[in-house]
Structures are given as C-alpha cells and as structure tokens.
Amino acid sequence: MASDTDTVGGARQGERLRDRIHGGTYFLDVGDPEMGGGAVVLIHGVGLDHRMWDAQEQAFASRLRVVRYDMLGHGRSANPPGERNVIDFVHQLDQLLMNLNFERASLVGFSMGGLVARAFAGRHPERVERLVLVSTVYNRLEAERAAVRARYATAEAGGDLTEAALTRWFSPEFAEVHPDAVAAVRGRLQANDRDGFLRAYRVFAEAYDAEEDLAAIACPSLVITGELDSGSTPAMARAMAAELPNAEALILPGLRHMVPIEGSGVLNRALLAFLT
C-alpha cells in the first residue's frame, strides 16, 4: 500500500502518514511533532477500527501528535495465523511505538483497546506518559463473564451479534437523532473478517485481570465509562481506578458503551484537560 510520505519514523508538520509496518499494522499519524503537547496513541475496540476515533483526531491534532491504528485482524491490518492472546496485541503496539521512535507516549484505549493499553502499561510502565481507559472491563462478575462467553459462542456458531451490540452501545435517543453514525458502526461490524474478529473476541471474552499488575502502573491514569454501560460498568471503573496507584474515575451521565462517538464532546474535553 502506498504511503503519503516515505518517513516512517514520524510525521512532519502538515503531513498525514499512512503505512503498514512490521507485521502489517495500518496506522494514521497526524499533528505537528514540534507542537510540544506530546504523542497520544488511540486504540479501538473489538470489531471496530481506527475510524471510531475520527472525532478525537479532529479535536486533538492541533495540540497533540495523534496516532491511531488497526489492531491485528481488524480494518487494514494483517491477520496473522494462529491463536491469539492479549500479549500479541501488546507486541503489536510495542512494535508500532518503536518504529515511530516513541520513547514514551500517552495511551487511550476503548473497550478491548483498553485491555491492550492496560496490559502494555503493566509490562512497560516506563514507556507510558499517561493512561486513559475508556469503557474498559475489570473484574467481571461470573454472570458478566458468562454473558460475554455466550456472545462469543453465538458468533462462533455463525450468529450475528451486530444489532444486539448496537443496542448495548448506543442510547435510543442518539440512534434516532444520528442514524448515520450508528449505520457506520453497523457497517464496520458487518464487514469484519470473521476469523480475525473471532480470535480477537475470544481474547476479549476470556480476559482475566489477575494476570495484570495494576500496582506497576504509576503514571497518571483516567478511567472513564458511561453511567448506563452494562458491560463496562461504573462499578468496574471505580474499582479499577482504586487499584491503580495514580488514577481517578469519571462516570459520564446518560451514556452507554460507545462513549467516543455518542459522547465525543464531553469525552474530548476530559481527554484534552488530562493529556495536555
């Protein structure tokens, strides 16, 4: 795939860099590296791709260097063979940061992207400037685990999770007023490579927090979720913030799971205040 620039190690002022690097990771790198606001990497959720962060890139690029990418098996990134675990996604992020010459960066992860960001920060705390976990699960109750596993089983058997997901993710009011935004997410879910989606969803469904050392993540952290998110609940966000050494929780009223899209305005204000 052609790149807008031959410079893989960083974008120059006014340039937008697109490329595949080390294992076929597709990314967008925008903003002026001389701006002084630092670099932030945005990590999408399972079944989605870098485009879910459109509103954040638009809001941040004048003050931050913004990188967003497609996780393994998603969007335009490669889908290597074999079973997958969260460390594979951590390794992908590690390779991306190294090839961008980022010694440190802030990470913003949504849902499964939050699991990846959290796992990366636990293993490489010295490389994370600030950490934001949006709509990210933590210490699921057994009933919550069972519900996610049931969805995985449905998908594995050939069932369609799309409409049920959209109902969990968006409020009815937003869906009625912004049908195009919901339709765009529906299209992304329906266009997924089935194999890549299933292998990622299994990682999401089987995520166990006991494997992670949250105490090692000393950087400033912000844990955000919607008040009405039934999967990444306010109780989870508060518990996770309590376990992280330097964190606070932010619960956004009236929102379900898809905070970066339905709640883009309030989320962007919170992120800019935290990251800059």
C-alpha atoms as a PDB file:
ATOM      1  CA  MET A   1       0.000   0.000   0.000  1.00  0.00           C
ATOM      2  CA  ALA A   2       1.310   3.410  -0.884  1.00  0.00           C
ATOM      3  CA  SER A   3       2.199   5.857   1.856  1.00  0.00           C
ATOM      4  CA  ASP A   4       1.645   9.604   1.782  1.00  0.00           C
ATOM      5  CA  THR A   5       5.249  10.008   2.854  1.00  0.00           C
ATOM      6  CA  ASP A   6       8.359   7.881   2.924  1.00  0.00           C
ATOM      7  CA  THR A   7       9.076   8.925   6.504  1.00  0.00           C
ATOM      8  CA  VAL A   8       8.018   6.000   8.715  1.00  0.00           C
ATOM      9  CA  GLY A   9       9.668   7.356  11.851  1.00  0.00           C
ATOM     10  CA  GLY A  10       7.461  10.417  12.233  1.00  0.00           C
ATOM     11  CA  ALA A  11       5.171  12.901  10.543  1.00  0.00           C
ATOM     12  CA  ARG A  12       6.410  16.336   9.604  1.00  0.00           C
ATOM     13  CA  GLN A  13       4.298  19.453  10.009  1.00  0.00           C
ATOM     14  CA  GLY A  14       1.220  19.379   7.809  1.00  0.00           C
ATOM     15  CA  GLU A  15       1.768  15.767   6.782  1.00  0.00           C
ATOM     16  CA  ARG A  16      -0.503  12.803   7.328  1.00  0.00           C
ATOM     17  CA  LEU A  17       1.310   9.490   7.347  1.00  0.00           C
ATOM     18  CA  ARG A  18      -0.286   6.184   6.338  1.00  0.00           C
ATOM     19  CA  ASP A  19       1.648   2.959   6.144  1.00  0.00           C
ATOM     20  CA  ARG A  20       1.939  -0.691   7.058  1.00  0.00           C
ATOM     21  CA  ILE A  21       4.873  -1.549   9.279  1.00  0.00           C
ATOM     22  CA  HIS A  22       6.229  -4.697  10.930  1.00  0.00           C
ATOM     23  CA  GLY A  23       3.549  -7.315  10.583  1.00  0.00           C
ATOM     24  CA  GLY A  24       1.191  -5.214   8.517  1.00  0.00           C
ATOM     25  CA  THR A  25      -0.074  -2.712  11.088  1.00  0.00           C
ATOM     26  CA  TYR A  26      -2.071   0.076   9.456  1.00  0.00           C
ATOM     27  CA  PHE A  27      -1.862   3.444  11.204  1.00  0.00           C
ATOM     28  CA  LEU A  28      -2.540   7.144  10.810  1.00  0.00           C
ATOM     29  CA  ASP A  29      -0.104   9.653  12.314  1.00  0.00           C
ATOM     30  CA  VAL A  30      -1.212  13.283  12.371  1.00  0.00           C
ATOM     31  CA  GLY A  31      -0.285  16.504  14.119  1.00  0.00           C
ATOM     32  CA  ASP A  32       2.892  18.504  14.428  1.00  0.00           C
ATOM     33  CA  PRO A  33       5.587  16.689  16.436  1.00  0.00           C
ATOM     34  CA  GLU A  34       7.032  20.117  17.344  1.00  0.00           C
ATOM     35  CA  MET A  35       3.746  21.245  18.922  1.00  0.00           C
ATOM     36  CA  GLY A  36       5.001  20.218  22.358  1.00  0.00           C
ATOM     37  CA  GLY A  37       1.814  18.556  23.556  1.00  0.00           C
ATOM     38  CA  GLY A  38       3.255  15.072  23.291  1.00  0.00           C
ATOM     39  CA  ALA A  39       2.043  11.977  21.485  1.00  0.00           C
ATOM     40  CA  VAL A  40      -1.140  10.023  22.119  1.00  0.00           C
ATOM     41  CA  VAL A  41      -1.991   6.609  20.688  1.00  0.00           C
ATOM     42  CA  LEU A  42      -5.678   5.708  20.293  1.00  0.00           C
ATOM     43  CA  ILE A  43      -6.619   2.005  20.422  1.00  0.00           C
ATOM     44  CA  HIS A  44     -10.041   0.883  19.176  1.00  0.00           C
ATOM     45  CA  GLY A  45     -12.340  -1.870  20.444  1.00  0.00           C
ATOM     46  CA  VAL A  46     -13.034  -5.370  19.162  1.00  0.00           C
ATOM     47  CA  GLY A  47     -14.809  -5.487  15.812  1.00  0.00           C
ATOM     48  CA  LEU A  48     -14.054  -1.835  15.070  1.00  0.00           C
ATOM     49  CA  ASP A  49     -11.099   0.009  13.542  1.00  0.00           C
ATOM     50  CA  HIS A  50      -9.195   3.304  13.678  1.00  0.00           C
ATOM     51  CA  ARG A  51     -12.160   5.242  12.258  1.00  0.00           C
ATOM     52  CA  MET A  52     -14.034   5.124  15.561  1.00  0.00           C
ATOM     53  CA  TRP A  53     -11.599   7.858  16.715  1.00  0.00           C
ATOM     54  CA  ASP A  54     -12.423  10.379  13.952  1.00  0.00           C
ATOM     55  CA  ALA A  55     -13.867  12.938  16.373  1.00  0.00           C
ATOM     56  CA  GLN A  56     -10.902  12.644  18.728  1.00  0.00           C
ATOM     57  CA  GLU A  57      -8.324  13.101  15.986  1.00  0.00           C
ATOM     58  CA  GLN A  58     -10.110  16.230  14.790  1.00  0.00           C
ATOM     59  CA  ALA A  59     -10.164  17.641  18.318  1.00  0.00           C
ATOM     60  CA  PHE A  60      -6.594  16.737  19.293  1.00  0.00           C
ATOM     61  CA  ALA A  61      -4.410  17.162  16.199  1.00  0.00           C
ATOM     62  CA  SER A  62      -3.796  20.884  16.703  1.00  0.00           C
ATOM     63  CA  ARG A  63      -2.369  20.247  20.186  1.00  0.00           C
ATOM     64  CA  LEU A  64      -1.048  16.678  20.153  1.00  0.00           C
ATOM     65  CA  ARG A  65       0.581  14.222  17.829  1.00  0.00           C
ATOM     66  CA  VAL A  66      -2.174  11.647  17.316  1.00  0.00           C
ATOM     67  CA  VAL A  67      -1.593   8.056  16.212  1.00  0.00           C
ATOM     68  CA  ARG A  68      -4.433   5.608  15.673  1.00  0.00           C
ATOM     69  CA  TYR A  69      -4.097   2.161  14.208  1.00  0.00           C
ATOM     70  CA  ASP A  70      -5.961  -1.043  13.394  1.00  0.00           C
ATOM     71  CA  MET A  71      -5.414  -3.947  15.761  1.00  0.00           C
ATOM     72  CA  LEU A  72      -4.440  -7.383  14.437  1.00  0.00           C
ATOM     73  CA  GLY A  73      -7.243  -8.907  12.381  1.00  0.00           C
ATOM     74  CA  HIS A  74      -9.105  -5.602  12.123  1.00  0.00           C
ATOM     75  CA  GLY A  75      -9.509  -2.973   9.424  1.00  0.00           C
ATOM     76  CA  ARG A  76      -6.497  -2.774   7.135  1.00  0.00           C
ATOM     77  CA  SER A  77      -4.035  -4.518   9.433  1.00  0.00           C
ATOM     78  CA  ALA A  78      -2.813  -8.063   8.891  1.00  0.00           C
ATOM     79  CA  ASN A  79      -4.450 -11.124  10.422  1.00  0.00           C
ATOM     80  CA  PRO A  80      -1.543 -13.477  11.182  1.00  0.00           C
ATOM     81  CA  PRO A  81      -2.412 -17.185  11.570  1.00  0.00           C
ATOM     82  CA  GLY A  82      -2.643 -18.961  14.900  1.00  0.00           C
ATOM     83  CA  GLU A  83      -4.410 -18.480  18.206  1.00  0.00           C
ATOM     84  CA  ARG A  84      -4.226 -15.043  19.759  1.00  0.00           C
ATOM     85  CA  ASN A  85      -3.854 -13.639  23.263  1.00  0.00           C
ATOM     86  CA  VAL A  86      -3.586 -10.162  24.712  1.00  0.00           C
ATOM     87  CA  ILE A  87       0.219 -10.296  24.539  1.00  0.00           C
ATOM     88  CA  ASP A  88       0.023 -10.484  20.741  1.00  0.00           C
ATOM     89  CA  PHE A  89      -1.805  -7.151  20.747  1.00  0.00           C
ATOM     90  CA  VAL A  90       0.668  -5.726  23.267  1.00  0.00           C
ATOM     91  CA  HIS A  91       3.515  -6.789  20.989  1.00  0.00           C
ATOM     92  CA  GLN A  92       1.830  -5.114  18.026  1.00  0.00           C
ATOM     93  CA  LEU A  93       1.590  -1.848  19.972  1.00  0.00           C
ATOM     94  CA  ASP A  94       5.187  -2.213  21.123  1.00  0.00           C
ATOM     95  CA  GLN A  95       6.390  -2.589  17.529  1.00  0.00           C
ATOM     96  CA  LEU A  96       4.359   0.419  16.420  1.00  0.00           C
ATOM     97  CA  LEU A  97       5.790   2.658  19.152  1.00  0.00           C
ATOM     98  CA  MET A  98       9.339   1.532  18.447  1.00  0.00           C
ATOM     99  CA  ASN A  99       9.009   2.190  14.750  1.00  0.00           C
ATOM    100  CA  LEU A 100       7.609   5.645  15.426  1.00  0.00           C
ATOM    101  CA  ASN A 101      10.620   6.271  17.688  1.00  0.00           C
ATOM    102  CA  PHE A 102       8.354   6.974  20.668  1.00  0.00           C
ATOM    103  CA  GLU A 103      10.272   6.512  23.906  1.00  0.00           C
ATOM    104  CA  ARG A 104       7.100   7.493  25.769  1.00  0.00           C
ATOM    105  CA  ALA A 105       3.521   8.137  24.731  1.00  0.00           C
ATOM    106  CA  SER A 106       0.098   8.518  26.266  1.00  0.00           C
ATOM    107  CA  LEU A 107      -2.311   5.659  25.568  1.00  0.00           C
ATOM    108  CA  VAL A 108      -6.082   5.899  25.191  1.00  0.00           C
ATOM    109  CA  GLY A 109      -7.828   2.544  24.851  1.00  0.00           C
ATOM    110  CA  PHE A 110     -11.507   1.839  24.272  1.00  0.00           C
ATOM    111  CA  SER A 111     -13.069  -1.426  25.471  1.00  0.00           C
ATOM    112  CA  MET A 112     -10.716  -4.192  24.268  1.00  0.00           C
ATOM    113  CA  GLY A 113      -8.285  -1.433  23.303  1.00  0.00           C
ATOM    114  CA  GLY A 114      -8.290  -0.516  26.982  1.00  0.00           C
ATOM    115  CA  LEU A 115      -7.284  -4.069  27.861  1.00  0.00           C
ATOM    116  CA  VAL A 116      -4.369  -3.769  25.436  1.00  0.00           C
ATOM    117  CA  ALA A 117      -3.342  -0.352  26.780  1.00  0.00           C
ATOM    118  CA  ARG A 118      -3.590  -1.560  30.385  1.00  0.00           C
ATOM    119  CA  ALA A 119      -1.575  -4.700  29.681  1.00  0.00           C
ATOM    120  CA  PHE A 120       1.080  -2.681  27.836  1.00  0.00           C
ATOM    121  CA  ALA A 121       1.331  -0.199  30.707  1.00  0.00           C
ATOM    122  CA  GLY A 122       1.681  -3.020  33.220  1.00  0.00           C
ATOM    123  CA  ARG A 123       4.544  -4.547  31.274  1.00  0.00           C
ATOM    124  CA  HIS A 124       6.222  -1.325  30.121  1.00  0.00           C
ATOM    125  CA  PRO A 125       5.310   1.339  32.722  1.00  0.00           C
ATOM    126  CA  GLU A 126       8.361   3.452  31.906  1.00  0.00           C
ATOM    127  CA  ARG A 127       7.077   3.974  28.351  1.00  0.00           C
ATOM    128  CA  VAL A 128       3.610   5.297  29.207  1.00  0.00           C
ATOM    129  CA  GLU A 129       3.227   9.015  29.889  1.00  0.00           C
ATOM    130  CA  ARG A 130      -0.477   8.935  30.737  1.00  0.00           C
ATOM    131  CA  LEU A 131      -3.090   6.202  30.521  1.00  0.00           C
ATOM    132  CA  VAL A 132      -6.783   6.546  29.705  1.00  0.00           C
ATOM    133  CA  LEU A 133      -9.107   3.544  29.824  1.00  0.00           C
ATOM    134  CA  VAL A 134     -12.493   4.183  28.210  1.00  0.00           C
ATOM    135  CA  SER A 135     -15.364   1.703  28.603  1.00  0.00           C
ATOM    136  CA  THR A 136     -12.918  -0.986  29.739  1.00  0.00           C
ATOM    137  CA  VAL A 137     -13.886  -4.087  31.718  1.00  0.00           C
ATOM    138  CA  TYR A 138     -12.348  -5.033  35.051  1.00  0.00           C
ATOM    139  CA  ASN A 139     -13.002  -7.958  37.397  1.00  0.00           C
ATOM    140  CA  ARG A 140     -16.161  -9.162  35.675  1.00  0.00           C
ATOM    141  CA  LEU A 141     -18.627 -10.965  37.889  1.00  0.00           C
ATOM    142  CA  GLU A 142     -19.290 -14.560  36.900  1.00  0.00           C
ATOM    143  CA  ALA A 143     -22.652 -13.605  35.379  1.00  0.00           C
ATOM    144  CA  GLU A 144     -20.914 -10.906  33.337  1.00  0.00           C
ATOM    145  CA  ARG A 145     -18.277 -13.374  32.154  1.00  0.00           C
ATOM    146  CA  ALA A 146     -20.991 -15.858  31.207  1.00  0.00           C
ATOM    147  CA  ALA A 147     -22.826 -13.241  29.139  1.00  0.00           C
ATOM    148  CA  VAL A 148     -19.710 -12.373  27.127  1.00  0.00           C
ATOM    149  CA  ARG A 149     -18.837 -16.037  26.616  1.00  0.00           C
ATOM    150  CA  ALA A 150     -22.379 -16.679  25.398  1.00  0.00           C
ATOM    151  CA  ARG A 151     -21.994 -13.925  22.818  1.00  0.00           C
ATOM    152  CA  TYR A 152     -18.711 -15.454  21.683  1.00  0.00           C
ATOM    153  CA  ALA A 153     -20.387 -18.861  21.344  1.00  0.00           C
ATOM    154  CA  THR A 154     -23.157 -17.296  19.267  1.00  0.00           C
ATOM    155  CA  ALA A 155     -20.635 -15.662  16.945  1.00  0.00           C
ATOM    156  CA  GLU A 156     -18.574 -18.848  16.681  1.00  0.00           C
ATOM    157  CA  ALA A 157     -21.716 -20.745  15.655  1.00  0.00           C
ATOM    158  CA  GLY A 158     -22.353 -18.228  12.879  1.00  0.00           C
ATOM    159  CA  GLY A 159     -24.780 -15.952  14.673  1.00  0.00           C
ATOM    160  CA  ASP A 160     -24.859 -12.195  14.119  1.00  0.00           C
ATOM    161  CA  LEU A 161     -24.049 -10.013  17.133  1.00  0.00           C
ATOM    162  CA  THR A 162     -24.460  -6.697  15.346  1.00  0.00           C
ATOM    163  CA  GLU A 163     -27.903  -5.438  16.342  1.00  0.00           C
ATOM    164  CA  ALA A 164     -27.599  -6.567  19.949  1.00  0.00           C
ATOM    165  CA  ALA A 165     -24.238  -4.807  20.169  1.00  0.00           C
ATOM    166  CA  LEU A 166     -25.630  -1.566  18.772  1.00  0.00           C
ATOM    167  CA  THR A 167     -28.437  -1.663  21.331  1.00  0.00           C
ATOM    168  CA  ARG A 168     -25.934  -2.044  24.168  1.00  0.00           C
ATOM    169  CA  TRP A 169     -23.606   0.588  22.766  1.00  0.00           C
ATOM    170  CA  PHE A 170     -25.908   3.485  21.818  1.00  0.00           C
ATOM    171  CA  SER A 171     -28.843   5.102  23.589  1.00  0.00           C
ATOM    172  CA  PRO A 172     -32.176   5.008  21.699  1.00  0.00           C
ATOM    173  CA  GLU A 173     -32.203   8.807  21.644  1.00  0.00           C
ATOM    174  CA  PHE A 174     -28.806   9.011  19.940  1.00  0.00           C
ATOM    175  CA  ALA A 175     -29.711   6.263  17.469  1.00  0.00           C
ATOM    176  CA  GLU A 176     -32.861   8.139  16.482  1.00  0.00           C
ATOM    177  CA  VAL A 177     -31.146  11.505  16.014  1.00  0.00           C
ATOM    178  CA  HIS A 178     -27.892  10.181  14.499  1.00  0.00           C
ATOM    179  CA  PRO A 179     -28.820   7.143  12.396  1.00  0.00           C
ATOM    180  CA  ASP A 180     -25.852   7.692  10.063  1.00  0.00           C
ATOM    181  CA  ALA A 181     -23.360   7.350  12.937  1.00  0.00           C
ATOM    182  CA  VAL A 182     -24.980   4.110  14.074  1.00  0.00           C
ATOM    183  CA  ALA A 183     -25.136   2.844  10.484  1.00  0.00           C
ATOM    184  CA  ALA A 184     -21.406   3.489  10.074  1.00  0.00           C
ATOM    185  CA  VAL A 185     -20.618   1.336  13.106  1.00  0.00           C
ATOM    186  CA  ARG A 186     -23.042  -1.323  11.865  1.00  0.00           C
ATOM    187  CA  GLY A 187     -21.211  -1.389   8.543  1.00  0.00           C
ATOM    188  CA  ARG A 188     -17.838  -1.850  10.226  1.00  0.00           C
ATOM    189  CA  LEU A 189     -19.110  -4.733  12.339  1.00  0.00           C
ATOM    190  CA  GLN A 190     -20.669  -6.457   9.340  1.00  0.00           C
ATOM    191  CA  ALA A 191     -17.526  -6.002   7.231  1.00  0.00           C
ATOM    192  CA  ASN A 192     -15.232  -7.732   9.732  1.00  0.00           C
ATOM    193  CA  ASP A 193     -13.050 -10.622   8.699  1.00  0.00           C
ATOM    194  CA  ARG A 194     -14.822 -13.419  10.578  1.00  0.00           C
ATOM    195  CA  ASP A 195     -11.665 -15.248  11.600  1.00  0.00           C
ATOM    196  CA  GLY A 196      -9.903 -12.105  12.807  1.00  0.00           C
ATOM    197  CA  PHE A 197     -12.989 -10.991  14.715  1.00  0.00           C
ATOM    198  CA  LEU A 198     -13.493 -14.348  16.433  1.00  0.00           C
ATOM    199  CA  ARG A 199      -9.883 -14.619  17.552  1.00  0.00           C
ATOM    200  CA  ALA A 200      -9.973 -11.095  18.975  1.00  0.00           C
ATOM    201  CA  TYR A 201     -13.382 -11.569  20.582  1.00  0.00           C
ATOM    202  CA  ARG A 202     -12.158 -14.700  22.316  1.00  0.00           C
ATOM    203  CA  VAL A 203      -9.324 -12.659  23.871  1.00  0.00           C
ATOM    204  CA  PHE A 204     -11.884 -10.082  24.993  1.00  0.00           C
ATOM    205  CA  ALA A 205     -14.246 -12.732  26.385  1.00  0.00           C
ATOM    206  CA  GLU A 206     -11.527 -14.572  28.286  1.00  0.00           C
ATOM    207  CA  ALA A 207      -9.734 -11.512  29.688  1.00  0.00           C
ATOM    208  CA  TYR A 208      -8.603 -12.150  33.243  1.00  0.00           C
ATOM    209  CA  ASP A 209      -7.459  -9.231  35.359  1.00  0.00           C
ATOM    210  CA  ALA A 210      -5.483 -11.348  37.827  1.00  0.00           C
ATOM    211  CA  GLU A 211      -2.714 -11.639  35.242  1.00  0.00           C
ATOM    212  CA  GLU A 212      -2.049  -7.911  35.354  1.00  0.00           C
ATOM    213  CA  ASP A 213      -0.090  -5.931  37.911  1.00  0.00           C
ATOM    214  CA  LEU A 214      -2.003  -2.661  38.173  1.00  0.00           C
ATOM    215  CA  ALA A 215       0.269  -1.544  41.013  1.00  0.00           C
ATOM    216  CA  ALA A 216       3.114  -1.259  38.498  1.00  0.00           C
ATOM    217  CA  ILE A 217       1.250   1.411  36.514  1.00  0.00           C
ATOM    218  CA  ALA A 218       2.407   4.558  38.295  1.00  0.00           C
ATOM    219  CA  CYS A 219       1.626   7.078  35.546  1.00  0.00           C
ATOM    220  CA  PRO A 220      -1.377   9.410  35.865  1.00  0.00           C
ATOM    221  CA  SER A 221      -4.423   7.421  34.766  1.00  0.00           C
ATOM    222  CA  LEU A 222      -8.034   8.230  33.981  1.00  0.00           C
ATOM    223  CA  VAL A 223     -10.759   5.566  33.903  1.00  0.00           C
ATOM    224  CA  ILE A 224     -13.901   6.620  32.032  1.00  0.00           C
ATOM    225  CA  THR A 225     -17.186   4.874  31.383  1.00  0.00           C
ATOM    226  CA  GLY A 226     -20.807   5.658  30.695  1.00  0.00           C
ATOM    227  CA  GLU A 227     -23.336   5.708  33.502  1.00  0.00           C
ATOM    228  CA  LEU A 228     -25.513   3.218  31.600  1.00  0.00           C
ATOM    229  CA  ASP A 229     -22.800   0.911  30.258  1.00  0.00           C
ATOM    230  CA  SER A 230     -23.938  -2.617  31.121  1.00  0.00           C
ATOM    231  CA  GLY A 231     -20.658  -4.256  30.071  1.00  0.00           C
ATOM    232  CA  SER A 232     -18.015  -1.844  31.371  1.00  0.00           C
ATOM    233  CA  THR A 233     -19.922  -0.670  34.398  1.00  0.00           C
ATOM    234  CA  PRO A 234     -19.332   2.331  36.671  1.00  0.00           C
ATOM    235  CA  ALA A 235     -18.541  -0.144  39.469  1.00  0.00           C
ATOM    236  CA  MET A 236     -15.760  -1.614  37.323  1.00  0.00           C
ATOM    237  CA  ALA A 237     -14.364   1.833  36.536  1.00  0.00           C
ATOM    238  CA  ARG A 238     -14.302   2.866  40.184  1.00  0.00           C
ATOM    239  CA  ALA A 239     -12.714  -0.428  41.262  1.00  0.00           C
ATOM    240  CA  MET A 240     -10.038  -0.168  38.582  1.00  0.00           C
ATOM    241  CA  ALA A 241      -9.240   3.441  39.492  1.00  0.00           C
ATOM    242  CA  ALA A 242      -8.937   2.395  43.138  1.00  0.00           C
ATOM    243  CA  GLU A 243      -6.386  -0.295  42.237  1.00  0.00           C
ATOM    244  CA  LEU A 244      -4.262   1.942  40.010  1.00  0.00           C
ATOM    245  CA  PRO A 245      -1.752   3.968  42.080  1.00  0.00           C
ATOM    246  CA  ASN A 246      -2.437   7.354  40.477  1.00  0.00           C
ATOM    247  CA  ALA A 247      -5.906   7.270  38.947  1.00  0.00           C
ATOM    248  CA  GLU A 248      -9.342   8.775  39.060  1.00  0.00           C
ATOM    249  CA  ALA A 249     -12.660   7.575  37.662  1.00  0.00           C
ATOM    250  CA  LEU A 250     -15.008   9.654  35.531  1.00  0.00           C
ATOM    251  CA  ILE A 251     -18.581   8.439  35.017  1.00  0.00           C
ATOM    252  CA  LEU A 252     -20.393  10.153  32.147  1.00  0.00           C
ATOM    253  CA  PRO A 253     -24.147  10.599  32.745  1.00  0.00           C
ATOM    254  CA  GLY A 254     -26.632   9.148  30.287  1.00  0.00           C
ATOM    255  CA  LEU A 255     -24.109   7.292  28.124  1.00  0.00           C
ATOM    256  CA  ARG A 256     -23.859   3.618  27.277  1.00  0.00           C
ATOM    257  CA  HIS A 257     -20.765   1.900  25.853  1.00  0.00           C
ATOM    258  CA  MET A 258     -19.879   3.925  22.759  1.00  0.00           C
ATOM    259  CA  VAL A 259     -18.572   6.971  24.607  1.00  0.00           C
ATOM    260  CA  PRO A 260     -16.090   8.137  21.904  1.00  0.00           C
ATOM    261  CA  ILE A 261     -18.918   8.532  19.372  1.00  0.00           C
ATOM    262  CA  GLU A 262     -22.097   9.319  21.304  1.00  0.00           C
ATOM    263  CA  GLY A 263     -20.254  11.305  23.970  1.00  0.00           C
ATOM    264  CA  SER A 264     -17.475  12.731  21.818  1.00  0.00           C
ATOM    265  CA  GLY A 265     -17.875  16.299  23.041  1.00  0.00           C
ATOM    266  CA  VAL A 266     -17.672  15.601  26.769  1.00  0.00           C
ATOM    267  CA  LEU A 267     -15.022  12.921  26.251  1.00  0.00           C
ATOM    268  CA  ASN A 268     -12.823  15.197  24.161  1.00  0.00           C
ATOM    269  CA  ARG A 269     -12.940  17.933  26.779  1.00  0.00           C
ATOM    270  CA  ALA A 270     -11.992  15.488  29.515  1.00  0.00           C
ATOM    271  CA  LEU A 271      -9.166  13.983  27.467  1.00  0.00           C
ATOM    272  CA  LEU A 272      -7.679  17.311  26.436  1.00  0.00           C
ATOM    273  CA  ALA A 273      -7.724  18.511  30.038  1.00  0.00           C
ATOM    274  CA  PHE A 274      -5.982  15.321  31.149  1.00  0.00           C
ATOM    275  CA  LEU A 275      -3.480  14.895  28.314  1.00  0.00           C
ATOM    276  CA  THR A 276      -2.298  18.486  27.808  1.00  0.00           C
END
